[in-house]
C-alpha atoms as a PDB file:
ATOM      1  CA  MET A   1     118.057 -74.450-166.242  1.00  0.00           C
ATOM      2  CA  ALA A   2     118.426 -78.177-166.215  1.00  0.00           C
ATOM      3  CA  GLU A   3     115.331 -80.243-166.854  1.00  0.00           C
ATOM      4  CA  PRO A   4     114.266 -82.544-164.043  1.00  0.00           C
ATOM      5  CA  ALA A   5     115.221 -86.153-164.674  1.00  0.00           C
ATOM      6  CA  GLN A   6     112.301 -88.293-165.726  1.00  0.00           C
ATOM      7  CA  LYS A   7     111.516 -91.249-163.541  1.00  0.00           C
ATOM      8  CA  ASP A   8     111.623 -94.702-165.046  1.00  0.00           C
ATOM      9  CA  THR A   9     107.989 -95.484-165.761  1.00  0.00           C
ATOM     10  CA  LYS A  10     108.561 -99.112-166.728  1.00  0.00           C
ATOM     11  CA  GLU A  11     107.062-101.583-164.328  1.00  0.00           C
ATOM     12  CA  ARG A  12     109.265-104.386-163.176  1.00  0.00           C
ATOM     13  CA  VAL A  13     108.001-107.790-164.206  1.00  0.00           C
ATOM     14  CA  PRO A  14     108.437-110.392-161.484  1.00  0.00           C
ATOM     15  CA  PRO A  15     110.563-113.372-162.540  1.00  0.00           C
ATOM     16  CA  SER A  16     108.805-116.560-163.551  1.00  0.00           C
ATOM     17  CA  GLU A  17     108.953-119.695-161.414  1.00  0.00           C
ATOM     18  CA  ALA A  18     111.384-121.283-163.864  1.00  0.00           C
ATOM     19  CA  GLU A  19     113.727-118.286-163.597  1.00  0.00           C
ATOM     20  CA  VAL A  20     113.560-118.391-159.801  1.00  0.00           C
ATOM     21  CA  ALA A  21     114.215-122.152-159.767  1.00  0.00           C
ATOM     22  CA  TYR A  22     117.152-121.747-162.163  1.00  0.00           C
ATOM     23  CA  SER A  23     118.602-118.970-160.012  1.00  0.00           C
ATOM     24  CA  ARG A  24     118.284-121.090-156.867  1.00  0.00           C
ATOM     25  CA  GLU A  25     119.964-124.075-158.520  1.00  0.00           C
ATOM     26  CA  LYS A  26     122.748-121.855-159.837  1.00  0.00           C
ATOM     27  CA  TRP A  27     123.431-120.418-156.383  1.00  0.00           C
ATOM     28  CA  LYS A  28     123.183-123.868-154.814  1.00  0.00           C
ATOM     29  CA  PHE A  29     125.759-125.195-157.312  1.00  0.00           C
ATOM     30  CA  TRP A  30     128.191-122.356-156.673  1.00  0.00           C
ATOM     31  CA  SER A  31     127.799-122.513-152.894  1.00  0.00           C
ATOM     32  CA  ARG A  32     128.547-126.258-152.929  1.00  0.00           C
ATOM     33  CA  THR A  33     131.511-125.704-155.231  1.00  0.00           C
ATOM     34  CA  ILE A  34     132.975-122.986-153.011  1.00  0.00           C
ATOM     35  CA  GLU A  35     132.343-125.104-149.910  1.00  0.00           C
ATOM     36  CA  SER A  36     134.214-128.046-151.455  1.00  0.00           C
ATOM     37  CA  ILE A  37     137.092-125.861-152.586  1.00  0.00           C
ATOM     38  CA  CYS A  38     137.419-124.405-149.085  1.00  0.00           C
ATOM     39  CA  LYS A  39     137.244-127.791-147.374  1.00  0.00           C
ATOM     40  CA  TRP A  40     139.767-129.515-149.624  1.00  0.00           C
ATOM     41  CA  GLY A  41     141.940-126.413-149.834  1.00  0.00           C
ATOM     42  CA  VAL A  42     142.283-126.278-146.046  1.00  0.00           C
ATOM     43  CA  LEU A  43     143.226-129.961-145.963  1.00  0.00           C
ATOM     44  CA  LEU A  44     145.779-129.422-148.738  1.00  0.00           C
ATOM     45  CA  ILE A  45     147.297-126.432-146.968  1.00  0.00           C
ATOM     46  CA  LEU A  46     147.485-128.333-143.669  1.00  0.00           C
ATOM     47  CA  GLY A  47     149.172-131.233-145.420  1.00  0.00           C
ATOM     48  CA  LEU A  48     151.695-128.962-147.128  1.00  0.00           C
ATOM     49  CA  CYS A  49     152.407-127.019-143.933  1.00  0.00           C
ATOM     50  CA  THR A  50     153.010-130.101-141.783  1.00  0.00           C
ATOM     51  CA  ARG A  51     155.072-132.048-144.328  1.00  0.00           C
ATOM     52  CA  GLU A  52     158.274-130.068-143.915  1.00  0.00           C
ATOM     53  CA  PRO A  53     158.296-129.935-140.068  1.00  0.00           C
ATOM     54  CA  LEU A  54     157.539-133.645-139.835  1.00  0.00           C
ATOM     55  CA  GLN A  55     160.436-134.425-142.179  1.00  0.00           C
ATOM     56  CA  HIS A  56     162.805-132.478-139.926  1.00  0.00           C
ATOM     57  CA  VAL A  57     161.469-134.251-136.853  1.00  0.00           C
ATOM     58  CA  ALA A  58     161.901-137.591-138.610  1.00  0.00           C
ATOM     59  CA  GLN A  59     165.510-136.733-139.539  1.00  0.00           C
ATOM     60  CA  ALA A  60     166.251-135.809-135.928  1.00  0.00           C
ATOM     61  CA  ALA A  61     164.755-139.088-134.771  1.00  0.00           C
ATOM     62  CA  VAL A  62     166.978-141.019-137.165  1.00  0.00           C
ATOM     63  CA  VAL A  63     170.061-139.319-135.738  1.00  0.00           C
ATOM     64  CA  GLY A  64     169.457-140.900-132.371  1.00  0.00           C
ATOM     65  CA  ALA A  65     166.612-139.386-130.407  1.00  0.00           C
ATOM     66  CA  SER A  66     164.527-142.414-129.526  1.00  0.00           C
ATOM     67  CA  ALA A  67     161.945-140.253-127.758  1.00  0.00           C
ATOM     68  CA  LEU A  68     161.216-138.458-131.008  1.00  0.00           C
ATOM     69  CA  SER A  69     160.903-141.723-132.883  1.00  0.00           C
ATOM     70  CA  LEU A  70     158.367-142.888-130.293  1.00  0.00           C
ATOM     71  CA  LEU A  71     156.495-139.625-130.692  1.00  0.00           C
ATOM     72  CA  LEU A  72     156.406-140.083-134.474  1.00  0.00           C
ATOM     73  CA  ALA A  73     155.189-143.645-134.069  1.00  0.00           C
ATOM     74  CA  ALA A  74     152.408-142.432-131.780  1.00  0.00           C
ATOM     75  CA  LEU A  75     151.572-139.682-134.269  1.00  0.00           C
ATOM     76  CA  ALA A  76     151.438-142.189-137.114  1.00  0.00           C
ATOM     77  CA  GLY A  77     149.199-144.412-134.982  1.00  0.00           C
ATOM     78  CA  ALA A  78     146.924-141.474-134.255  1.00  0.00           C
ATOM     79  CA  PHE A  79     146.650-140.686-137.967  1.00  0.00           C
ATOM     80  CA  GLY A  80     145.918-144.361-138.630  1.00  0.00           C
ATOM     81  CA  VAL A  81     143.132-144.358-136.048  1.00  0.00           C
ATOM     82  CA  LEU A  82     141.801-141.085-137.458  1.00  0.00           C
ATOM     83  CA  SER A  83     141.798-142.603-140.952  1.00  0.00           C
ATOM     84  CA  ILE A  84     139.862-145.633-139.745  1.00  0.00           C
ATOM     85  CA  VAL A  85     137.338-143.429-137.950  1.00  0.00           C
ATOM     86  CA  CYS A  86     136.893-141.313-141.099  1.00  0.00           C
ATOM     87  CA  ILE A  87     136.346-144.421-143.237  1.00  0.00           C
ATOM     88  CA  ILE A  88     133.743-145.774-140.813  1.00  0.00           C
ATOM     89  CA  TRP A  89     132.026-142.379-140.717  1.00  0.00           C
ATOM     90  CA  ALA A  90     131.982-142.179-144.537  1.00  0.00           C
ATOM     91  CA  LEU A  91     130.506-145.681-144.832  1.00  0.00           C
ATOM     92  CA  ARG A  92     127.830-144.798-142.276  1.00  0.00           C
ATOM     93  CA  GLU A  93     126.950-141.593-144.146  1.00  0.00           C
ATOM     94  CA  ARG A  94     126.714-143.584-147.376  1.00  0.00           C
ATOM     95  CA  ARG A  95     124.340-146.068-145.749  1.00  0.00           C
ATOM     96  CA  LEU A  96     122.182-143.241-144.349  1.00  0.00           C
ATOM     97  CA  ARG A  97     122.012-141.645-147.801  1.00  0.00           C
ATOM     98  CA  GLN A  98     120.970-144.976-149.346  1.00  0.00           C
ATOM     99  CA  ASP A  99     118.299-145.482-146.674  1.00  0.00           C
ATOM    100  CA  LYS A 100     116.949-141.974-147.249  1.00  0.00           C
ATOM    101  CA  THR A 101     116.862-142.577-151.017  1.00  0.00           C
ATOM    102  CA  GLU A 102     114.919-145.787-150.490  1.00  0.00           C
ATOM    103  CA  TYR A 103     112.496-144.043-148.114  1.00  0.00           C
ATOM    104  CA  LEU A 104     111.905-141.172-150.517  1.00  0.00           C
ATOM    105  CA  THR A 105     111.495-143.573-153.447  1.00  0.00           C
ATOM    106  CA  ASN A 106     108.720-145.417-151.638  1.00  0.00           C
ATOM    107  CA  ARG A 107     107.074-142.133-150.703  1.00  0.00           C
ATOM    108  CA  ILE A 108     107.231-140.751-154.246  1.00  0.00           C
ATOM    109  CA  LYS A 109     105.863-144.012-155.643  1.00  0.00           C
ATOM    110  CA  ALA A 110     102.902-143.855-153.237  1.00  0.00           C
ATOM    111  CA  LEU A 111     102.227-140.204-154.174  1.00  0.00           C
ATOM    112  CA  GLU A 112     102.419-140.989-157.885  1.00  0.00           C
ATOM    113  CA  LEU A 113      99.972-143.876-157.486  1.00  0.00           C
ATOM    114  CA  HIS A 114      97.659-141.606-155.513  1.00  0.00           C
ATOM    115  CA  ILE A 115      97.738-138.972-158.255  1.00  0.00           C
ATOM    116  CA  ASP A 116      97.511-141.425-161.184  1.00  0.00           C
ATOM    117  CA  PRO A 117      96.540-145.006-160.235  1.00  0.00           C
ATOM    118  CA  GLU A 118      97.052-146.213-163.815  1.00  0.00           C
ATOM    119  CA  ARG A 119     100.675-145.106-163.933  1.00  0.00           C
ATOM    120  CA  THR A 120     103.167-147.765-165.002  1.00  0.00           C
ATOM    121  CA  SER A 121     106.428-148.394-163.189  1.00  0.00           C
ATOM    122  CA  SER A 122     109.848-147.690-164.651  1.00  0.00           C
ATOM    123  CA  ASN A 123     111.243-150.572-162.524  1.00  0.00           C
ATOM    124  CA  LEU A 124     114.084-148.487-161.149  1.00  0.00           C
ATOM    125  CA  ALA A 125     115.888-149.817-158.083  1.00  0.00           C
ATOM    126  CA  LYS A 126     114.652-148.436-154.760  1.00  0.00           C
ATOM    127  CA  THR A 127     118.212-147.797-153.578  1.00  0.00           C
ATOM    128  CA  GLY A 128     119.065-145.536-156.501  1.00  0.00           C
ATOM    129  CA  LYS A 129     121.587-148.042-157.886  1.00  0.00           C
ATOM    130  CA  THR A 130     121.558-149.330-161.439  1.00  0.00           C
ATOM    131  CA  HIS A 131     120.094-152.790-161.957  1.00  0.00           C
ATOM    132  CA  PRO A 132     122.818-155.367-162.769  1.00  0.00           C
ATOM    133  CA  GLU A 133     121.123-156.271-166.075  1.00  0.00           C
ATOM    134  CA  ASP A 134     121.289-152.607-167.159  1.00  0.00           C
ATOM    135  CA  GLU A 135     125.037-152.249-166.631  1.00  0.00           C
END
């Protein structure tokens, strides 16, 4: 007769806080990496898929179809407007990120002074940028 399998009597040790933090950061890194790859991959695929058809449309417009050339001009204008909107949006996001950094810097400084009033300052910029004399 076969002997019954013995159960694992070892107790599992819960992971330390450092191990949990490391695991979270690792997953956060990989999720951001995959998100970026997906986002830029979709844009690359869209660009590659629309390049060939637009070239054919452009060749047909050159042959003599003025309506197609007007359509391409409108399409180019739409892409120009979209580019401008994206640039404005990116600049706005950058400004919001800088404002949030400044807000959090002030908050952290106040908390540090509350915890240790004799703490000295590192004189870092509130905006997160490098001081000109340090460059």
